[in-house]
Amino acid sequence: MSPYEARLAGGAFYFEVEADPANWPANADPFDVMWKQSTHPDDSKIWMTFETATQFPDVGKQRFEVYFTKGKAVEIKQMKEQK
């Protein structure tokens, strides 16, 4: 799943991008880097954080983070509640 597909599945999100310096200038727009991974994946690192009830349906609405590299989701982790 690419970041674009994750957005379609997960809805609203916030994110962090570490652009691949071999492919992107230092001031690259992080949205451009993220969306380009669907068609031209590279070594950029992307973290998208969502809060929905769909990823972990047995426990209801949860916050989770998806980590992407080479344009694909490689890890999904449930985030602990902040108190």
PDB file of N, CA and C in Angstrom:
ATOM      1  N   MET A   1       0.844  -1.168   0.000  1.00  0.00           N
ATOM      2  CA  MET A   1       0.000   0.000   0.000  1.00  0.00           C
ATOM      3  C   MET A   1       0.896   1.240   0.000  1.00  0.00           C
ATOM      4  N   SER A   2       0.622   2.148  -0.903  1.00  0.00           N
ATOM      5  CA  SER A   2       1.370   3.407  -0.976  1.00  0.00           C
ATOM      6  C   SER A   2       0.776   4.440  -0.018  1.00  0.00           C
ATOM      7  N   PRO A   3       1.462   5.542   0.224  1.00  0.00           N
ATOM      8  CA  PRO A   3       0.871   6.584   1.072  1.00  0.00           C
ATOM      9  C   PRO A   3      -0.473   7.084   0.532  1.00  0.00           C
ATOM     10  N   TYR A   4      -0.609   7.203  -0.777  1.00  0.00           N
ATOM     11  CA  TYR A   4      -1.880   7.656  -1.355  1.00  0.00           C
ATOM     12  C   TYR A   4      -3.003   6.665  -1.045  1.00  0.00           C
ATOM     13  N   GLU A   5      -2.722   5.383  -1.211  1.00  0.00           N
ATOM     14  CA  GLU A   5      -3.732   4.364  -0.913  1.00  0.00           C
ATOM     15  C   GLU A   5      -4.069   4.360   0.578  1.00  0.00           C
ATOM     16  N   ALA A   6      -3.075   4.581   1.429  1.00  0.00           N
ATOM     17  CA  ALA A   6      -3.325   4.647   2.873  1.00  0.00           C
ATOM     18  C   ALA A   6      -4.235   5.823   3.202  1.00  0.00           C
ATOM     19  N   ARG A   7      -4.020   6.950   2.540  1.00  0.00           N
ATOM     20  CA  ARG A   7      -4.879   8.111   2.753  1.00  0.00           C
ATOM     21  C   ARG A   7      -6.331   7.789   2.382  1.00  0.00           C
ATOM     22  N   LEU A   8      -6.515   7.113   1.263  1.00  0.00           N
ATOM     23  CA  LEU A   8      -7.869   6.740   0.847  1.00  0.00           C
ATOM     24  C   LEU A   8      -8.518   5.801   1.857  1.00  0.00           C
ATOM     25  N   ALA A   9      -7.747   4.875   2.398  1.00  0.00           N
ATOM     26  CA  ALA A   9      -8.281   3.900   3.348  1.00  0.00           C
ATOM     27  C   ALA A   9      -8.465   4.473   4.744  1.00  0.00           C
ATOM     28  N   GLY A  10      -7.544   5.344   5.176  1.00  0.00           N
ATOM     29  CA  GLY A  10      -7.541   5.793   6.563  1.00  0.00           C
ATOM     30  C   GLY A  10      -8.152   7.145   6.825  1.00  0.00           C
ATOM     31  N   GLY A  11      -8.332   7.957   5.780  1.00  0.00           N
ATOM     32  CA  GLY A  11      -8.912   9.286   5.973  1.00  0.00           C
ATOM     33  C   GLY A  11      -7.886  10.307   6.442  1.00  0.00           C
ATOM     34  N   ALA A  12      -8.335  11.190   7.313  1.00  0.00           N
ATOM     35  CA  ALA A  12      -7.491  12.291   7.796  1.00  0.00           C
ATOM     36  C   ALA A  12      -6.246  11.751   8.489  1.00  0.00           C
ATOM     37  N   PHE A  13      -5.139  12.482   8.348  1.00  0.00           N
ATOM     38  CA  PHE A  13      -3.874  12.039   8.902  1.00  0.00           C
ATOM     39  C   PHE A  13      -2.962  13.230   9.126  1.00  0.00           C
ATOM     40  N   TYR A  14      -1.898  13.002   9.889  1.00  0.00           N
ATOM     41  CA  TYR A  14      -0.765  13.918   9.894  1.00  0.00           C
ATOM     42  C   TYR A  14       0.458  13.075   9.581  1.00  0.00           C
ATOM     43  N   PHE A  15       1.553  13.731   9.196  1.00  0.00           N
ATOM     44  CA  PHE A  15       2.661  12.960   8.657  1.00  0.00           C
ATOM     45  C   PHE A  15       4.001  13.637   8.864  1.00  0.00           C
ATOM     46  N   GLU A  16       5.049  12.828   8.641  1.00  0.00           N
ATOM     47  CA  GLU A  16       6.430  13.300   8.664  1.00  0.00           C
ATOM     48  C   GLU A  16       7.128  12.651   7.478  1.00  0.00           C
ATOM     49  N   VAL A  17       8.005  13.411   6.815  1.00  0.00           N
ATOM     50  CA  VAL A  17       8.734  12.905   5.654  1.00  0.00           C
ATOM     51  C   VAL A  17      10.218  13.193   5.815  1.00  0.00           C
ATOM     52  N   GLU A  18      11.038  12.198   5.540  1.00  0.00           N
ATOM     53  CA  GLU A  18      12.476  12.368   5.362  1.00  0.00           C
ATOM     54  C   GLU A  18      12.739  12.033   3.900  1.00  0.00           C
ATOM     55  N   ALA A  19      12.888  13.061   3.077  1.00  0.00           N
ATOM     56  CA  ALA A  19      13.055  12.868   1.639  1.00  0.00           C
ATOM     57  C   ALA A  19      14.402  12.228   1.320  1.00  0.00           C
ATOM     58  N   ASP A  20      14.399  11.349   0.348  1.00  0.00           N
ATOM     59  CA  ASP A  20      15.617  10.704  -0.140  1.00  0.00           C
ATOM     60  C   ASP A  20      16.502  11.771  -0.784  1.00  0.00           C
ATOM     61  N   PRO A  21      17.662  12.076  -0.200  1.00  0.00           N
ATOM     62  CA  PRO A  21      18.498  13.156  -0.735  1.00  0.00           C
ATOM     63  C   PRO A  21      19.048  12.863  -2.131  1.00  0.00           C
ATOM     64  N   ALA A  22      19.039  11.613  -2.548  1.00  0.00           N
ATOM     65  CA  ALA A  22      19.493  11.275  -3.898  1.00  0.00           C
ATOM     66  C   ALA A  22      18.471  11.691  -4.958  1.00  0.00           C
ATOM     67  N   ASN A  23      17.216  11.915  -4.531  1.00  0.00           N
ATOM     68  CA  ASN A  23      16.152  12.236  -5.478  1.00  0.00           C
ATOM     69  C   ASN A  23      15.460  13.571  -5.247  1.00  0.00           C
ATOM     70  N   TRP A  24      15.664  14.163  -4.075  1.00  0.00           N
ATOM     71  CA  TRP A  24      14.932  15.377  -3.729  1.00  0.00           C
ATOM     72  C   TRP A  24      15.868  16.448  -3.198  1.00  0.00           C
ATOM     73  N   PRO A  25      15.626  17.717  -3.563  1.00  0.00           N
ATOM     74  CA  PRO A  25      16.418  18.803  -2.983  1.00  0.00           C
ATOM     75  C   PRO A  25      16.055  18.990  -1.508  1.00  0.00           C
ATOM     76  N   ALA A  26      16.904  19.652  -0.769  1.00  0.00           N
ATOM     77  CA  ALA A  26      16.690  19.838   0.671  1.00  0.00           C
ATOM     78  C   ALA A  26      15.380  20.550   0.980  1.00  0.00           C
ATOM     79  N   ASN A  27      14.905  21.399   0.087  1.00  0.00           N
ATOM     80  CA  ASN A  27      13.680  22.160   0.355  1.00  0.00           C
ATOM     81  C   ASN A  27      12.457  21.586  -0.369  1.00  0.00           C
ATOM     82  N   ALA A  28      12.485  20.303  -0.711  1.00  0.00           N
ATOM     83  CA  ALA A  28      11.365  19.676  -1.420  1.00  0.00           C
ATOM     84  C   ALA A  28      10.093  19.730  -0.578  1.00  0.00           C
ATOM     85  N   ASP A  29       8.977  19.950  -1.249  1.00  0.00           N
ATOM     86  CA  ASP A  29       7.673  19.951  -0.583  1.00  0.00           C
ATOM     87  C   ASP A  29       7.378  18.531  -0.100  1.00  0.00           C
ATOM     88  N   PRO A  30       7.145  18.337   1.206  1.00  0.00           N
ATOM     89  CA  PRO A  30       6.920  16.980   1.715  1.00  0.00           C
ATOM     90  C   PRO A  30       5.692  16.307   1.098  1.00  0.00           C
ATOM     91  N   PHE A  31       4.680  17.085   0.726  1.00  0.00           N
ATOM     92  CA  PHE A  31       3.526  16.485   0.055  1.00  0.00           C
ATOM     93  C   PHE A  31       3.930  15.919  -1.302  1.00  0.00           C
ATOM     94  N   ASP A  32       4.753  16.640  -2.051  1.00  0.00           N
ATOM     95  CA  ASP A  32       5.220  16.145  -3.345  1.00  0.00           C
ATOM     96  C   ASP A  32       5.996  14.839  -3.171  1.00  0.00           C
ATOM     97  N   VAL A  33       6.870  14.808  -2.181  1.00  0.00           N
ATOM     98  CA  VAL A  33       7.655  13.604  -1.912  1.00  0.00           C
ATOM     99  C   VAL A  33       6.727  12.437  -1.603  1.00  0.00           C
ATOM    100  N   MET A  34       5.753  12.659  -0.721  1.00  0.00           N
ATOM    101  CA  MET A  34       4.857  11.593  -0.287  1.00  0.00           C
ATOM    102  C   MET A  34       4.017  11.056  -1.438  1.00  0.00           C
ATOM    103  N   TRP A  35       3.391  11.926  -2.200  1.00  0.00           N
ATOM    104  CA  TRP A  35       2.489  11.462  -3.258  1.00  0.00           C
ATOM    105  C   TRP A  35       3.242  10.841  -4.422  1.00  0.00           C
ATOM    106  N   LYS A  36       4.455  11.257  -4.675  1.00  0.00           N
ATOM    107  CA  LYS A  36       5.248  10.714  -5.783  1.00  0.00           C
ATOM    108  C   LYS A  36       5.636   9.255  -5.539  1.00  0.00           C
ATOM    109  N   GLN A  37       5.575   8.809  -4.285  1.00  0.00           N
ATOM    110  CA  GLN A  37       5.961   7.433  -3.970  1.00  0.00           C
ATOM    111  C   GLN A  37       5.073   6.405  -4.664  1.00  0.00           C
ATOM    112  N   SER A  38       3.859   6.789  -5.049  1.00  0.00           N
ATOM    113  CA  SER A  38       2.964   5.856  -5.746  1.00  0.00           C
ATOM    114  C   SER A  38       3.479   5.497  -7.128  1.00  0.00           C
ATOM    115  N   THR A  39       4.118   6.445  -7.810  1.00  0.00           N
ATOM    116  CA  THR A  39       4.554   6.208  -9.183  1.00  0.00           C
ATOM    117  C   THR A  39       6.060   6.089  -9.338  1.00  0.00           C
ATOM    118  N   HIS A  40       6.819   6.710  -8.441  1.00  0.00           N
ATOM    119  CA  HIS A  40       8.282   6.678  -8.503  1.00  0.00           C
ATOM    120  C   HIS A  40       8.849   6.511  -7.093  1.00  0.00           C
ATOM    121  N   PRO A  41       8.688   5.316  -6.504  1.00  0.00           N
ATOM    122  CA  PRO A  41       9.180   5.112  -5.136  1.00  0.00           C
ATOM    123  C   PRO A  41      10.696   5.266  -5.057  1.00  0.00           C
ATOM    124  N   ASP A  42      11.150   5.743  -3.909  1.00  0.00           N
ATOM    125  CA  ASP A  42      12.579   5.911  -3.660  1.00  0.00           C
ATOM    126  C   ASP A  42      12.867   5.574  -2.208  1.00  0.00           C
ATOM    127  N   ASP A  43      13.991   6.016  -1.705  1.00  0.00           N
ATOM    128  CA  ASP A  43      14.369   5.698  -0.330  1.00  0.00           C
ATOM    129  C   ASP A  43      13.877   6.723   0.694  1.00  0.00           C
ATOM    130  N   SER A  44      12.876   7.516   0.328  1.00  0.00           N
ATOM    131  CA  SER A  44      12.284   8.441   1.296  1.00  0.00           C
ATOM    132  C   SER A  44      11.617   7.637   2.403  1.00  0.00           C
ATOM    133  N   LYS A  45      11.602   8.226   3.588  1.00  0.00           N
ATOM    134  CA  LYS A  45      10.950   7.601   4.744  1.00  0.00           C
ATOM    135  C   LYS A  45       9.745   8.467   5.102  1.00  0.00           C
ATOM    136  N   ILE A  46       8.608   7.815   5.308  1.00  0.00           N
ATOM    137  CA  ILE A  46       7.352   8.531   5.558  1.00  0.00           C
ATOM    138  C   ILE A  46       6.628   7.859   6.715  1.00  0.00           C
ATOM    139  N   TRP A  47       6.120   8.680   7.617  1.00  0.00           N
ATOM    140  CA  TRP A  47       5.280   8.208   8.712  1.00  0.00           C
ATOM    141  C   TRP A  47       3.947   8.938   8.609  1.00  0.00           C
ATOM    142  N   MET A  48       2.873   8.182   8.540  1.00  0.00           N
ATOM    143  CA  MET A  48       1.525   8.764   8.521  1.00  0.00           C
ATOM    144  C   MET A  48       0.797   8.270   9.766  1.00  0.00           C
ATOM    145  N   THR A  49       0.124   9.172  10.452  1.00  0.00           N
ATOM    146  CA  THR A  49      -0.618   8.824  11.660  1.00  0.00           C
ATOM    147  C   THR A  49      -2.095   9.052  11.411  1.00  0.00           C
ATOM    148  N   PHE A  50      -2.882   8.033  11.707  1.00  0.00           N
ATOM    149  CA  PHE A  50      -4.332   8.050  11.509  1.00  0.00           C
ATOM    150  C   PHE A  50      -5.030   7.767  12.836  1.00  0.00           C
ATOM    151  N   GLU A  51      -6.306   8.091  12.896  1.00  0.00           N
ATOM    152  CA  GLU A  51      -7.142   7.706  14.034  1.00  0.00           C
ATOM    153  C   GLU A  51      -8.488   7.282  13.482  1.00  0.00           C
ATOM    154  N   THR A  52      -8.712   5.960  13.433  1.00  0.00           N
ATOM    155  CA  THR A  52      -9.957   5.413  12.904  1.00  0.00           C
ATOM    156  C   THR A  52     -10.325   4.153  13.680  1.00  0.00           C
ATOM    157  N   ALA A  53     -11.506   3.644  13.409  1.00  0.00           N
ATOM    158  CA  ALA A  53     -11.937   2.382  14.003  1.00  0.00           C
ATOM    159  C   ALA A  53     -11.754   1.227  13.025  1.00  0.00           C
ATOM    160  N   THR A  54     -11.244   1.476  11.848  1.00  0.00           N
ATOM    161  CA  THR A  54     -11.172   0.425  10.835  1.00  0.00           C
ATOM    162  C   THR A  54      -9.931  -0.458  10.921  1.00  0.00           C
ATOM    163  N   GLN A  55      -8.810   0.050  11.382  1.00  0.00           N
ATOM    164  CA  GLN A  55      -7.582  -0.742  11.402  1.00  0.00           C
ATOM    165  C   GLN A  55      -7.599  -1.802  12.501  1.00  0.00           C
ATOM    166  N   PHE A  56      -8.160  -1.463  13.636  1.00  0.00           N
ATOM    167  CA  PHE A  56      -8.255  -2.391  14.762  1.00  0.00           C
ATOM    168  C   PHE A  56      -9.722  -2.474  15.192  1.00  0.00           C
ATOM    169  N   PRO A  57     -10.585  -3.093  14.385  1.00  0.00           N
ATOM    170  CA  PRO A  57     -12.037  -3.039  14.634  1.00  0.00           C
ATOM    171  C   PRO A  57     -12.477  -3.654  15.962  1.00  0.00           C
ATOM    172  N   ASP A  58     -11.713  -4.579  16.502  1.00  0.00           N
ATOM    173  CA  ASP A  58     -12.103  -5.214  17.763  1.00  0.00           C
ATOM    174  C   ASP A  58     -11.961  -4.291  18.965  1.00  0.00           C
ATOM    175  N   VAL A  59     -11.187  -3.208  18.835  1.00  0.00           N
ATOM    176  CA  VAL A  59     -10.964  -2.318  19.970  1.00  0.00           C
ATOM    177  C   VAL A  59     -11.506  -0.913  19.737  1.00  0.00           C
ATOM    178  N   GLY A  60     -12.179  -0.683  18.623  1.00  0.00           N
ATOM    179  CA  GLY A  60     -12.778   0.628  18.358  1.00  0.00           C
ATOM    180  C   GLY A  60     -11.780   1.636  17.822  1.00  0.00           C
ATOM    181  N   LYS A  61     -12.109   2.890  17.981  1.00  0.00           N
ATOM    182  CA  LYS A  61     -11.290   3.975  17.438  1.00  0.00           C
ATOM    183  C   LYS A  61      -9.914   3.989  18.091  1.00  0.00           C
ATOM    184  N   GLN A  62      -8.890   3.915  17.252  1.00  0.00           N
ATOM    185  CA  GLN A  62      -7.519   3.858  17.735  1.00  0.00           C
ATOM    186  C   GLN A  62      -6.626   4.738  16.873  1.00  0.00           C
ATOM    187  N   ARG A  63      -5.553   5.219  17.458  1.00  0.00           N
ATOM    188  CA  ARG A  63      -4.531   5.958  16.724  1.00  0.00           C
ATOM    189  C   ARG A  63      -3.436   4.965  16.336  1.00  0.00           C
ATOM    190  N   PHE A  64      -3.010   5.035  15.076  1.00  0.00           N
ATOM    191  CA  PHE A  64      -1.947   4.154  14.626  1.00  0.00           C
ATOM    192  C   PHE A  64      -1.065   4.867  13.615  1.00  0.00           C
ATOM    193  N   GLU A  65       0.161   4.381  13.508  1.00  0.00           N
ATOM    194  CA  GLU A  65       1.153   4.983  12.626  1.00  0.00           C
ATOM    195  C   GLU A  65       1.560   3.960  11.568  1.00  0.00           C
ATOM    196  N   VAL A  66       1.671   4.443  10.334  1.00  0.00           N
ATOM    197  CA  VAL A  66       2.113   3.592   9.227  1.00  0.00           C
ATOM    198  C   VAL A  66       3.454   4.137   8.741  1.00  0.00           C
ATOM    199  N   TYR A  67       4.441   3.261   8.652  1.00  0.00           N
ATOM    200  CA  TYR A  67       5.769   3.633   8.175  1.00  0.00           C
ATOM    201  C   TYR A  67       5.942   3.110   6.754  1.00  0.00           C
ATOM    202  N   PHE A  68       6.431   3.977   5.862  1.00  0.00           N
ATOM    203  CA  PHE A  68       6.624   3.639   4.450  1.00  0.00           C
ATOM    204  C   PHE A  68       8.075   3.840   4.062  1.00  0.00           C
ATOM    205  N   THR A  69       8.552   2.962   3.214  1.00  0.00           N
ATOM    206  CA  THR A  69       9.818   3.153   2.525  1.00  0.00           C
ATOM    207  C   THR A  69       9.708   2.446   1.184  1.00  0.00           C
ATOM    208  N   LYS A  70      10.437   2.962   0.203  1.00  0.00           N
ATOM    209  CA  LYS A  70      10.350   2.455  -1.171  1.00  0.00           C
ATOM    210  C   LYS A  70       8.904   2.464  -1.673  1.00  0.00           C
ATOM    211  N   GLY A  71       8.120   3.443  -1.168  1.00  0.00           N
ATOM    212  CA  GLY A  71       6.756   3.643  -1.631  1.00  0.00           C
ATOM    213  C   GLY A  71       5.716   2.703  -1.067  1.00  0.00           C
ATOM    214  N   LYS A  72       6.095   1.835  -0.147  1.00  0.00           N
ATOM    215  CA  LYS A  72       5.166   0.839   0.390  1.00  0.00           C
ATOM    216  C   LYS A  72       5.132   0.865   1.911  1.00  0.00           C
ATOM    217  N   ALA A  73       3.959   0.554   2.459  1.00  0.00           N
ATOM    218  CA  ALA A  73       3.824   0.421   3.905  1.00  0.00           C
ATOM    219  C   ALA A  73       4.597  -0.816   4.351  1.00  0.00           C
ATOM    220  N   VAL A  74       5.483  -0.636   5.324  1.00  0.00           N
ATOM    221  CA  VAL A  74       6.268  -1.762   5.817  1.00  0.00           C
ATOM    222  C   VAL A  74       5.990  -2.056   7.290  1.00  0.00           C
ATOM    223  N   GLU A  75       5.308  -1.129   7.976  1.00  0.00           N
ATOM    224  CA  GLU A  75       5.003  -1.354   9.389  1.00  0.00           C
ATOM    225  C   GLU A  75       3.775  -0.534   9.774  1.00  0.00           C
ATOM    226  N   ILE A  76       2.878  -1.171  10.513  1.00  0.00           N
ATOM    227  CA  ILE A  76       1.722  -0.484  11.097  1.00  0.00           C
ATOM    228  C   ILE A  76       1.764  -0.768  12.581  1.00  0.00           C
ATOM    229  N   LYS A  77       1.782   0.315  13.371  1.00  0.00           N
ATOM    230  CA  LYS A  77       1.796   0.074  14.817  1.00  0.00           C
ATOM    231  C   LYS A  77       0.746   0.924  15.514  1.00  0.00           C
ATOM    232  N   GLN A  78       0.087   0.278  16.440  1.00  0.00           N
ATOM    233  CA  GLN A  78      -0.915   0.939  17.264  1.00  0.00           C
ATOM    234  C   GLN A  78      -0.185   1.828  18.270  1.00  0.00           C
ATOM    235  N   MET A  79      -0.664   3.044  18.433  1.00  0.00           N
ATOM    236  CA  MET A  79      -0.024   3.977  19.357  1.00  0.00           C
ATOM    237  C   MET A  79      -0.722   3.904  20.701  1.00  0.00           C
ATOM    238  N   LYS A  80       0.054   4.029  21.735  1.00  0.00           N
ATOM    239  CA  LYS A  80      -0.492   3.975  23.087  1.00  0.00           C
ATOM    240  C   LYS A  80      -1.180   5.289  23.415  1.00  0.00           C
ATOM    241  N   GLU A  81      -2.176   5.203  24.272  1.00  0.00           N
ATOM    242  CA  GLU A  81      -2.896   6.390  24.730  1.00  0.00           C
ATOM    243  C   GLU A  81      -1.962   7.314  25.506  1.00  0.00           C
ATOM    244  N   GLN A  82      -2.057   8.601  25.240  1.00  0.00           N
ATOM    245  CA  GLN A  82      -1.305   9.605  25.988  1.00  0.00           C
ATOM    246  C   GLN A  82      -2.132  10.008  27.211  1.00  0.00           C
ATOM    247  N   LYS A  83      -1.525  10.022  28.383  1.00  0.00           N
ATOM    248  CA  LYS A  83      -2.270  10.415  29.601  1.00  0.00           C
ATOM    249  C   LYS A  83      -1.618  11.599  30.246  1.00  0.00           C
TER     250      LYS A  83
END
